[in-house]
Amino acid sequence: MSDTTDTTATGEPTASSPKASTGRTLALVGLGAVVAGGGLGRFVLSPRLAPSDPSAAHEEEESSGGHSPAGASGEVYTISNLIINPAGSMGTRFLMVTVGIAAANPKNVAHLREQEIPARDAIGVLLESMSLDTLMAPGARDRLRHRLVEVLTPLAGPEAKLQVYLPQFVIQ
């Protein structure tokens, strides 16, 4: 009785067997897809996503000090990764927040940078005093922004006019 499958003495399929050619075909198709995807990303998507004048984007970043501009109100100083346990949560819940502070006068931003530790502490004290219900209530973010302005203005220097943003505000 003759076996119709081509195998070697060890029982492995030979190069002419259907199993071996299917495996090679899949590998070649996968490789082709990776190359095509890379080409598509590099030559089609990248030019659409990148600025048309790379030097202009670099100059804009340098002029803003690496921070996002706040339009007419000046640059935005960011205090990131504040993790707070709200009042009454007994450590079972937390708030993760990033606070962006804009000041029309660059000197006020410089004062805030110099006072980062006291600013982080002031923000933490304020947020720890608030309950989860207060933080999750409708309009809570707007009220919190106003309270943060009150807390941070003394640290920014005399007659500082601040605007506060909360780009990250996650309650777990």
N, C-alpha and C. Protein backbone atom coordinates (compact mmCIF):
# COMPACT_ATOMS: atom_id res chain seq x y z
N MET A 1 0.83 -1.17 0.00
CA MET A 1 0.00 0.00 0.00
C MET A 1 0.87 1.22 0.00
N SER A 2 0.52 2.11 -0.87
CA SER A 2 1.33 3.29 -1.07
C SER A 2 0.66 4.49 -0.40
N ASP A 3 1.48 5.28 0.29
CA ASP A 3 0.99 6.50 0.95
C ASP A 3 1.07 7.64 -0.06
N THR A 4 0.02 8.42 -0.23
CA THR A 4 0.00 9.46 -1.25
C THR A 4 0.63 10.77 -0.79
N THR A 5 0.93 10.93 0.50
CA THR A 5 1.55 12.16 1.00
C THR A 5 3.05 12.04 0.88
N ASP A 6 3.69 13.09 0.35
CA ASP A 6 5.14 13.10 0.23
C ASP A 6 5.74 13.46 1.58
N THR A 7 6.53 12.53 2.14
CA THR A 7 7.19 12.79 3.42
C THR A 7 8.61 12.30 3.33
N THR A 8 9.46 12.82 4.22
CA THR A 8 10.83 12.36 4.31
C THR A 8 10.86 11.15 5.21
N ALA A 9 12.05 10.62 5.45
CA ALA A 9 12.19 9.44 6.30
C ALA A 9 11.78 9.75 7.73
N THR A 10 11.86 11.03 8.15
CA THR A 10 11.48 11.38 9.52
C THR A 10 9.99 11.66 9.65
N GLY A 11 9.28 11.63 8.55
CA GLY A 11 7.85 11.85 8.61
C GLY A 11 7.45 13.31 8.41
N GLU A 12 8.42 14.20 8.13
CA GLU A 12 8.10 15.61 7.91
C GLU A 12 7.68 15.82 6.46
N PRO A 13 6.79 16.77 6.20
CA PRO A 13 6.37 17.03 4.83
C PRO A 13 7.54 17.55 4.01
N THR A 14 7.60 17.18 2.74
CA THR A 14 8.63 17.69 1.85
C THR A 14 8.20 19.03 1.30
N ALA A 15 9.10 19.67 0.56
CA ALA A 15 8.84 20.99 0.03
C ALA A 15 7.68 21.01 -0.94
N SER A 16 7.38 19.88 -1.55
CA SER A 16 6.30 19.87 -2.51
C SER A 16 4.94 19.55 -1.88
N SER A 17 4.93 19.30 -0.57
CA SER A 17 3.66 18.96 0.07
C SER A 17 2.81 20.21 0.26
N PRO A 18 1.50 20.08 0.31
CA PRO A 18 0.59 21.22 0.49
C PRO A 18 0.82 21.95 1.80
N LYS A 19 1.17 21.25 2.90
CA LYS A 19 1.36 21.90 4.19
C LYS A 19 2.54 22.86 4.14
N ALA A 20 3.64 22.47 3.53
CA ALA A 20 4.82 23.31 3.47
C ALA A 20 4.56 24.54 2.60
N SER A 21 3.90 24.39 1.47
CA SER A 21 3.66 25.54 0.59
C SER A 21 2.64 26.50 1.20
N THR A 22 1.70 26.01 1.96
CA THR A 22 0.73 26.88 2.64
C THR A 22 1.43 27.74 3.69
N GLY A 23 2.34 27.15 4.45
CA GLY A 23 3.08 27.89 5.47
C GLY A 23 3.93 28.99 4.85
N ARG A 24 4.62 28.67 3.75
CA ARG A 24 5.43 29.68 3.06
C ARG A 24 4.56 30.79 2.50
N THR A 25 3.44 30.44 1.95
CA THR A 25 2.54 31.43 1.37
C THR A 25 2.04 32.40 2.44
N LEU A 26 1.66 31.86 3.60
CA LEU A 26 1.19 32.72 4.69
C LEU A 26 2.31 33.64 5.18
N ALA A 27 3.52 33.12 5.27
CA ALA A 27 4.64 33.94 5.72
C ALA A 27 4.91 35.07 4.72
N LEU A 28 4.87 34.76 3.43
CA LEU A 28 5.10 35.78 2.41
C LEU A 28 3.97 36.82 2.40
N VAL A 29 2.75 36.39 2.59
CA VAL A 29 1.62 37.33 2.65
C VAL A 29 1.77 38.24 3.87
N GLY A 30 2.15 37.67 5.00
CA GLY A 30 2.35 38.47 6.22
C GLY A 30 3.45 39.49 6.03
N LEU A 31 4.58 39.07 5.46
CA LEU A 31 5.69 39.97 5.19
C LEU A 31 5.27 41.08 4.23
N GLY A 32 4.53 40.72 3.21
CA GLY A 32 4.05 41.72 2.26
C GLY A 32 3.12 42.73 2.92
N ALA A 33 2.28 42.26 3.83
CA ALA A 33 1.36 43.17 4.53
C ALA A 33 2.13 44.14 5.41
N VAL A 34 3.17 43.66 6.10
CA VAL A 34 3.98 44.53 6.95
C VAL A 34 4.68 45.60 6.10
N VAL A 35 5.27 45.19 4.99
CA VAL A 35 5.97 46.14 4.12
C VAL A 35 4.97 47.15 3.54
N ALA A 36 3.83 46.67 3.09
CA ALA A 36 2.82 47.58 2.53
C ALA A 36 2.31 48.55 3.59
N GLY A 37 2.08 48.08 4.80
CA GLY A 37 1.61 48.95 5.89
C GLY A 37 2.64 50.01 6.24
N GLY A 38 3.91 49.61 6.29
CA GLY A 38 4.97 50.57 6.56
C GLY A 38 5.06 51.63 5.48
N GLY A 39 4.96 51.21 4.23
CA GLY A 39 5.00 52.15 3.12
C GLY A 39 3.82 53.09 3.14
N LEU A 40 2.64 52.54 3.43
CA LEU A 40 1.44 53.36 3.51
C LEU A 40 1.59 54.42 4.60
N GLY A 41 2.07 54.00 5.77
CA GLY A 41 2.25 54.95 6.87
C GLY A 41 3.28 56.01 6.55
N ARG A 42 4.40 55.60 5.97
CA ARG A 42 5.50 56.53 5.71
C ARG A 42 5.18 57.51 4.60
N PHE A 43 4.63 57.02 3.50
CA PHE A 43 4.49 57.87 2.32
C PHE A 43 3.10 58.47 2.13
N VAL A 44 2.09 57.92 2.79
CA VAL A 44 0.74 58.44 2.61
C VAL A 44 0.26 59.17 3.87
N LEU A 45 0.31 58.50 5.03
CA LEU A 45 -0.23 59.10 6.25
C LEU A 45 0.70 60.13 6.88
N SER A 46 1.98 59.83 6.92
CA SER A 46 2.93 60.73 7.57
C SER A 46 2.91 62.15 6.99
N PRO A 47 2.95 62.32 5.66
CA PRO A 47 2.90 63.69 5.14
C PRO A 47 1.62 64.43 5.50
N ARG A 48 0.53 63.71 5.67
CA ARG A 48 -0.73 64.38 6.01
C ARG A 48 -0.77 64.79 7.48
N LEU A 49 -0.12 64.03 8.35
CA LEU A 49 -0.14 64.32 9.77
C LEU A 49 0.94 65.30 10.19
N ALA A 50 2.07 65.30 9.51
CA ALA A 50 3.19 66.17 9.87
C ALA A 50 2.93 67.59 9.37
N PRO A 51 3.48 68.59 10.06
CA PRO A 51 3.33 69.97 9.58
C PRO A 51 4.06 70.13 8.25
N SER A 52 3.55 71.04 7.42
CA SER A 52 4.14 71.23 6.10
C SER A 52 5.53 71.85 6.20
N ASP A 53 5.81 72.63 7.24
CA ASP A 53 7.12 73.22 7.43
C ASP A 53 7.64 72.81 8.80
N PRO A 54 8.48 71.76 8.88
CA PRO A 54 8.96 71.27 10.17
C PRO A 54 9.69 72.33 10.99
N SER A 55 10.38 73.26 10.34
CA SER A 55 11.10 74.28 11.10
C SER A 55 10.14 75.21 11.81
N ALA A 56 8.97 75.46 11.23
CA ALA A 56 7.97 76.33 11.87
C ALA A 56 7.42 75.66 13.13
N ALA A 57 7.18 74.35 13.07
CA ALA A 57 6.68 73.63 14.25
C ALA A 57 7.72 73.65 15.35
N HIS A 58 9.01 73.50 15.00
CA HIS A 58 10.06 73.52 16.00
C HIS A 58 10.18 74.90 16.64
N GLU A 59 10.10 75.97 15.84
CA GLU A 59 10.16 77.32 16.38
C GLU A 59 9.00 77.61 17.30
N GLU A 60 7.79 77.12 16.94
CA GLU A 60 6.62 77.33 17.79
C GLU A 60 6.80 76.65 19.13
N GLU A 61 7.34 75.43 19.13
CA GLU A 61 7.56 74.70 20.37
C GLU A 61 8.57 75.43 21.25
N GLU A 62 9.65 75.94 20.65
CA GLU A 62 10.65 76.65 21.42
C GLU A 62 10.10 77.94 22.01
N SER A 63 9.26 78.66 21.26
CA SER A 63 8.73 79.93 21.75
C SER A 63 7.76 79.73 22.89
N SER A 64 7.14 78.56 22.97
CA SER A 64 6.19 78.31 24.06
C SER A 64 6.86 77.63 25.24
N GLY A 65 8.18 77.44 25.16
CA GLY A 65 8.88 76.82 26.28
C GLY A 65 8.54 75.36 26.43
N GLY A 66 8.07 74.69 25.37
CA GLY A 66 7.72 73.28 25.46
C GLY A 66 6.34 73.05 26.00
N HIS A 67 5.62 74.09 26.35
CA HIS A 67 4.26 73.95 26.86
C HIS A 67 3.29 74.44 25.80
N SER A 68 2.07 74.02 25.90
CA SER A 68 1.05 74.44 24.94
C SER A 68 0.71 75.90 25.16
N PRO A 69 0.61 76.68 24.09
CA PRO A 69 0.23 78.07 24.27
C PRO A 69 -1.23 78.18 24.69
N ALA A 70 -1.53 79.18 25.45
CA ALA A 70 -2.90 79.39 25.91
C ALA A 70 -3.55 80.51 25.13
N GLY A 71 -3.20 80.62 23.87
CA GLY A 71 -3.78 81.66 23.04
C GLY A 71 -3.34 83.02 23.52
N ALA A 72 -4.27 83.92 23.68
CA ALA A 72 -3.95 85.29 24.05
C ALA A 72 -3.57 85.41 25.52
N SER A 73 -3.86 84.40 26.32
CA SER A 73 -3.62 84.52 27.75
C SER A 73 -2.22 84.07 28.17
N GLY A 74 -1.33 83.71 27.25
CA GLY A 74 0.03 83.33 27.61
C GLY A 74 0.24 81.84 27.56
N GLU A 75 1.31 81.38 28.24
CA GLU A 75 1.63 79.97 28.20
C GLU A 75 0.95 79.20 29.33
N VAL A 76 0.87 77.89 29.16
CA VAL A 76 0.23 77.04 30.16
C VAL A 76 1.31 76.25 30.90
N TYR A 77 1.31 76.36 32.21
CA TYR A 77 2.21 75.58 33.06
C TYR A 77 1.41 74.40 33.58
N THR A 78 1.99 73.21 33.48
CA THR A 78 1.25 72.00 33.82
C THR A 78 1.83 71.34 35.06
N ILE A 79 0.96 71.00 35.98
CA ILE A 79 1.31 70.18 37.14
C ILE A 79 0.59 68.85 36.93
N SER A 80 1.38 67.82 36.66
CA SER A 80 0.82 66.53 36.25
C SER A 80 0.87 65.49 37.37
N ASN A 81 0.07 64.47 37.18
CA ASN A 81 0.11 63.25 37.99
C ASN A 81 -0.12 63.48 39.48
N LEU A 82 -1.12 64.25 39.80
CA LEU A 82 -1.53 64.39 41.19
C LEU A 82 -2.54 63.29 41.49
N ILE A 83 -2.25 62.48 42.49
CA ILE A 83 -3.16 61.41 42.88
C ILE A 83 -3.61 61.70 44.30
N ILE A 84 -4.91 61.83 44.47
CA ILE A 84 -5.50 62.29 45.72
C ILE A 84 -6.58 61.32 46.17
N ASN A 85 -6.63 61.07 47.49
CA ASN A 85 -7.75 60.34 48.07
C ASN A 85 -8.77 61.37 48.56
N PRO A 86 -9.95 61.43 47.92
CA PRO A 86 -10.95 62.41 48.35
C PRO A 86 -11.44 62.15 49.78
N ALA A 87 -12.00 63.19 50.39
CA ALA A 87 -12.53 63.08 51.75
C ALA A 87 -13.59 62.00 51.82
N GLY A 88 -13.52 61.20 52.87
CA GLY A 88 -14.52 60.16 53.10
C GLY A 88 -14.32 58.90 52.28
N SER A 89 -13.30 58.83 51.45
CA SER A 89 -13.10 57.63 50.62
C SER A 89 -12.33 56.54 51.35
N MET A 90 -11.73 56.89 52.47
CA MET A 90 -10.95 55.96 53.29
C MET A 90 -9.92 55.18 52.47
N GLY A 91 -9.35 55.81 51.48
CA GLY A 91 -8.31 55.19 50.69
C GLY A 91 -8.80 54.20 49.66
N THR A 92 -10.12 54.02 49.53
CA THR A 92 -10.63 53.05 48.57
C THR A 92 -10.87 53.65 47.19
N ARG A 93 -10.90 54.96 47.10
CA ARG A 93 -11.10 55.66 45.82
C ARG A 93 -10.03 56.71 45.69
N PHE A 94 -9.74 57.10 44.45
CA PHE A 94 -8.77 58.16 44.26
C PHE A 94 -9.14 59.02 43.06
N LEU A 95 -8.55 60.19 43.05
CA LEU A 95 -8.70 61.14 41.96
C LEU A 95 -7.31 61.35 41.37
N MET A 96 -7.19 61.18 40.06
CA MET A 96 -5.94 61.48 39.37
C MET A 96 -6.22 62.71 38.51
N VAL A 97 -5.42 63.75 38.71
CA VAL A 97 -5.69 65.02 38.05
C VAL A 97 -4.40 65.66 37.54
N THR A 98 -4.54 66.35 36.43
CA THR A 98 -3.49 67.22 35.90
C THR A 98 -4.09 68.62 35.85
N VAL A 99 -3.33 69.58 36.34
CA VAL A 99 -3.79 70.96 36.39
C VAL A 99 -2.91 71.80 35.47
N GLY A 100 -3.54 72.49 34.54
CA GLY A 100 -2.84 73.43 33.67
C GLY A 100 -3.19 74.84 34.13
N ILE A 101 -2.15 75.67 34.25
CA ILE A 101 -2.36 77.03 34.75
C ILE A 101 -1.81 78.01 33.72
N ALA A 102 -2.66 78.89 33.25
CA ALA A 102 -2.25 79.90 32.28
C ALA A 102 -2.20 81.26 32.98
N ALA A 103 -1.20 82.04 32.61
CA ALA A 103 -1.08 83.39 33.13
C ALA A 103 -0.72 84.31 31.98
N ALA A 104 -1.33 85.47 31.95
CA ALA A 104 -1.05 86.43 30.88
C ALA A 104 0.38 86.94 30.96
N ASN A 105 0.88 87.07 32.17
CA ASN A 105 2.24 87.58 32.38
C ASN A 105 3.20 86.40 32.56
N PRO A 106 4.23 86.29 31.73
CA PRO A 106 5.20 85.19 31.87
C PRO A 106 5.89 85.15 33.23
N LYS A 107 6.00 86.30 33.90
CA LYS A 107 6.61 86.32 35.24
C LYS A 107 5.79 85.50 36.23
N ASN A 108 4.47 85.52 36.07
CA ASN A 108 3.62 84.73 36.96
C ASN A 108 3.84 83.24 36.74
N VAL A 109 4.04 82.84 35.50
CA VAL A 109 4.32 81.43 35.21
C VAL A 109 5.66 81.04 35.83
N ALA A 110 6.64 81.93 35.74
CA ALA A 110 7.95 81.66 36.34
C ALA A 110 7.83 81.52 37.85
N HIS A 111 7.01 82.37 38.49
CA HIS A 111 6.78 82.25 39.94
C HIS A 111 6.16 80.90 40.27
N LEU A 112 5.20 80.46 39.47
CA LEU A 112 4.56 79.17 39.72
C LEU A 112 5.56 78.02 39.59
N ARG A 113 6.42 78.11 38.60
CA ARG A 113 7.45 77.06 38.43
C ARG A 113 8.35 76.99 39.65
N GLU A 114 8.72 78.15 40.16
CA GLU A 114 9.58 78.20 41.35
C GLU A 114 8.85 77.67 42.58
N GLN A 115 7.55 77.76 42.58
CA GLN A 115 6.73 77.34 43.72
C GLN A 115 6.00 76.02 43.45
N GLU A 116 6.58 75.14 42.66
CA GLU A 116 5.87 73.91 42.28
C GLU A 116 5.49 73.06 43.49
N ILE A 117 6.39 72.88 44.43
CA ILE A 117 6.08 72.04 45.60
C ILE A 117 4.94 72.65 46.41
N PRO A 118 5.00 73.95 46.77
CA PRO A 118 3.85 74.52 47.48
C PRO A 118 2.56 74.48 46.65
N ALA A 119 2.67 74.63 45.32
CA ALA A 119 1.48 74.57 44.47
C ALA A 119 0.87 73.17 44.49
N ARG A 120 1.72 72.14 44.36
CA ARG A 120 1.22 70.76 44.43
C ARG A 120 0.54 70.51 45.78
N ASP A 121 1.16 71.00 46.85
CA ASP A 121 0.60 70.81 48.18
C ASP A 121 -0.75 71.52 48.32
N ALA A 122 -0.82 72.75 47.83
CA ALA A 122 -2.07 73.52 47.93
C ALA A 122 -3.20 72.83 47.15
N ILE A 123 -2.87 72.33 45.96
CA ILE A 123 -3.87 71.62 45.16
C ILE A 123 -4.31 70.36 45.90
N GLY A 124 -3.35 69.62 46.45
CA GLY A 124 -3.67 68.39 47.19
C GLY A 124 -4.55 68.64 48.39
N VAL A 125 -4.22 69.67 49.16
CA VAL A 125 -5.02 70.01 50.35
C VAL A 125 -6.46 70.34 49.94
N LEU A 126 -6.60 71.12 48.88
CA LEU A 126 -7.94 71.48 48.41
C LEU A 126 -8.72 70.24 47.98
N LEU A 127 -8.11 69.39 47.16
CA LEU A 127 -8.82 68.23 46.64
C LEU A 127 -9.12 67.20 47.72
N GLU A 128 -8.20 67.03 48.68
CA GLU A 128 -8.44 66.07 49.77
C GLU A 128 -9.59 66.51 50.67
N SER A 129 -9.88 67.79 50.68
CA SER A 129 -10.97 68.29 51.53
C SER A 129 -12.34 68.10 50.88
N MET A 130 -12.36 67.71 49.62
CA MET A 130 -13.62 67.56 48.89
C MET A 130 -14.04 66.09 48.86
N SER A 131 -15.33 65.85 49.01
CA SER A 131 -15.86 64.49 48.97
C SER A 131 -16.07 64.03 47.52
N LEU A 132 -16.25 62.73 47.36
CA LEU A 132 -16.54 62.20 46.03
C LEU A 132 -17.82 62.79 45.45
N ASP A 133 -18.84 62.94 46.30
CA ASP A 133 -20.10 63.53 45.82
C ASP A 133 -19.89 64.94 45.30
N THR A 134 -19.07 65.72 46.01
CA THR A 134 -18.78 67.08 45.58
C THR A 134 -18.01 67.09 44.26
N LEU A 135 -17.03 66.19 44.13
CA LEU A 135 -16.21 66.13 42.92
C LEU A 135 -16.97 65.63 41.71
N MET A 136 -18.01 64.81 41.94
CA MET A 136 -18.75 64.22 40.82
C MET A 136 -20.05 64.96 40.52
N ALA A 137 -20.38 65.97 41.28
CA ALA A 137 -21.63 66.72 41.08
C ALA A 137 -21.57 67.50 39.77
N PRO A 138 -22.74 67.74 39.16
CA PRO A 138 -22.76 68.57 37.95
C PRO A 138 -22.15 69.95 38.22
N GLY A 139 -21.28 70.38 37.33
CA GLY A 139 -20.63 71.69 37.48
C GLY A 139 -19.46 71.69 38.43
N ALA A 140 -19.08 70.53 38.95
CA ALA A 140 -18.00 70.45 39.93
C ALA A 140 -16.66 70.93 39.37
N ARG A 141 -16.39 70.62 38.12
CA ARG A 141 -15.11 71.01 37.54
C ARG A 141 -15.01 72.53 37.43
N ASP A 142 -16.09 73.19 37.08
CA ASP A 142 -16.05 74.66 37.01
C ASP A 142 -15.82 75.28 38.38
N ARG A 143 -16.54 74.78 39.40
CA ARG A 143 -16.34 75.28 40.76
C ARG A 143 -14.91 75.01 41.23
N LEU A 144 -14.40 73.84 40.88
CA LEU A 144 -13.04 73.48 41.28
C LEU A 144 -12.02 74.40 40.60
N ARG A 145 -12.23 74.72 39.35
CA ARG A 145 -11.32 75.65 38.66
C ARG A 145 -11.25 77.00 39.39
N HIS A 146 -12.40 77.53 39.81
CA HIS A 146 -12.43 78.81 40.52
C HIS A 146 -11.71 78.72 41.86
N ARG A 147 -11.91 77.61 42.56
CA ARG A 147 -11.23 77.44 43.85
C ARG A 147 -9.73 77.28 43.67
N LEU A 148 -9.33 76.60 42.58
CA LEU A 148 -7.90 76.46 42.32
C LEU A 148 -7.25 77.81 41.98
N VAL A 149 -7.97 78.66 41.27
CA VAL A 149 -7.45 80.01 40.99
C VAL A 149 -7.22 80.74 42.31
N GLU A 150 -8.17 80.63 43.24
CA GLU A 150 -8.04 81.30 44.54
C GLU A 150 -6.82 80.79 45.30
N VAL A 151 -6.58 79.49 45.24
CA VAL A 151 -5.47 78.88 45.98
C VAL A 151 -4.12 79.18 45.33
N LEU A 152 -4.08 79.21 44.00
CA LEU A 152 -2.81 79.34 43.29
C LEU A 152 -2.37 80.78 43.03
N THR A 153 -3.32 81.71 43.04
CA THR A 153 -2.98 83.10 42.74
C THR A 153 -1.91 83.67 43.68
N PRO A 154 -1.97 83.45 44.99
CA PRO A 154 -0.90 83.98 45.85
C PRO A 154 0.50 83.42 45.50
N LEU A 155 0.55 82.21 44.98
CA LEU A 155 1.83 81.61 44.62
C LEU A 155 2.38 82.13 43.29
N ALA A 156 1.50 82.67 42.47
CA ALA A 156 1.91 83.14 41.14
C ALA A 156 2.49 84.55 41.17
N GLY A 157 2.31 85.25 42.26
CA GLY A 157 2.87 86.59 42.35
C GLY A 157 1.79 87.65 42.41
N PRO A 158 2.23 88.89 42.63
CA PRO A 158 1.26 89.98 42.79
C PRO A 158 0.44 90.22 41.52
N GLU A 159 -0.82 90.43 41.74
CA GLU A 159 -1.77 90.76 40.67
C GLU A 159 -1.81 89.75 39.52
N ALA A 160 -1.58 88.49 39.85
CA ALA A 160 -1.63 87.45 38.82
C ALA A 160 -3.08 87.22 38.39
N LYS A 161 -3.25 87.08 37.11
CA LYS A 161 -4.56 86.73 36.56
C LYS A 161 -4.41 85.34 35.95
N LEU A 162 -4.93 84.35 36.66
CA LEU A 162 -4.75 82.96 36.25
C LEU A 162 -6.00 82.39 35.62
N GLN A 163 -5.78 81.42 34.77
CA GLN A 163 -6.86 80.61 34.23
C GLN A 163 -6.43 79.15 34.43
N VAL A 164 -7.32 78.33 34.97
CA VAL A 164 -6.99 76.94 35.30
C VAL A 164 -7.72 76.00 34.36
N TYR A 165 -6.99 74.98 33.92
CA TYR A 165 -7.55 73.93 33.06
C TYR A 165 -7.37 72.59 33.77
N LEU A 166 -8.29 71.68 33.53
CA LEU A 166 -8.20 70.33 34.10
C LEU A 166 -8.25 69.31 32.95
N PRO A 167 -7.14 69.14 32.23
CA PRO A 167 -7.15 68.24 31.08
C PRO A 167 -7.26 66.77 31.45
N GLN A 168 -6.87 66.43 32.68
CA GLN A 168 -7.01 65.05 33.17
C GLN A 168 -7.72 65.12 34.51
N PHE A 169 -8.84 64.40 34.59
CA PHE A 169 -9.65 64.42 35.81
C PHE A 169 -10.34 63.06 35.89
N VAL A 170 -9.69 62.11 36.55
CA VAL A 170 -10.17 60.73 36.56
C VAL A 170 -10.45 60.30 38.00
N ILE A 171 -11.67 59.85 38.25
CA ILE A 171 -12.03 59.34 39.56
C ILE A 171 -12.17 57.83 39.46
N GLN A 172 -11.46 57.11 40.30
CA GLN A 172 -11.53 55.63 40.32
C GLN A 172 -12.02 55.16 41.66
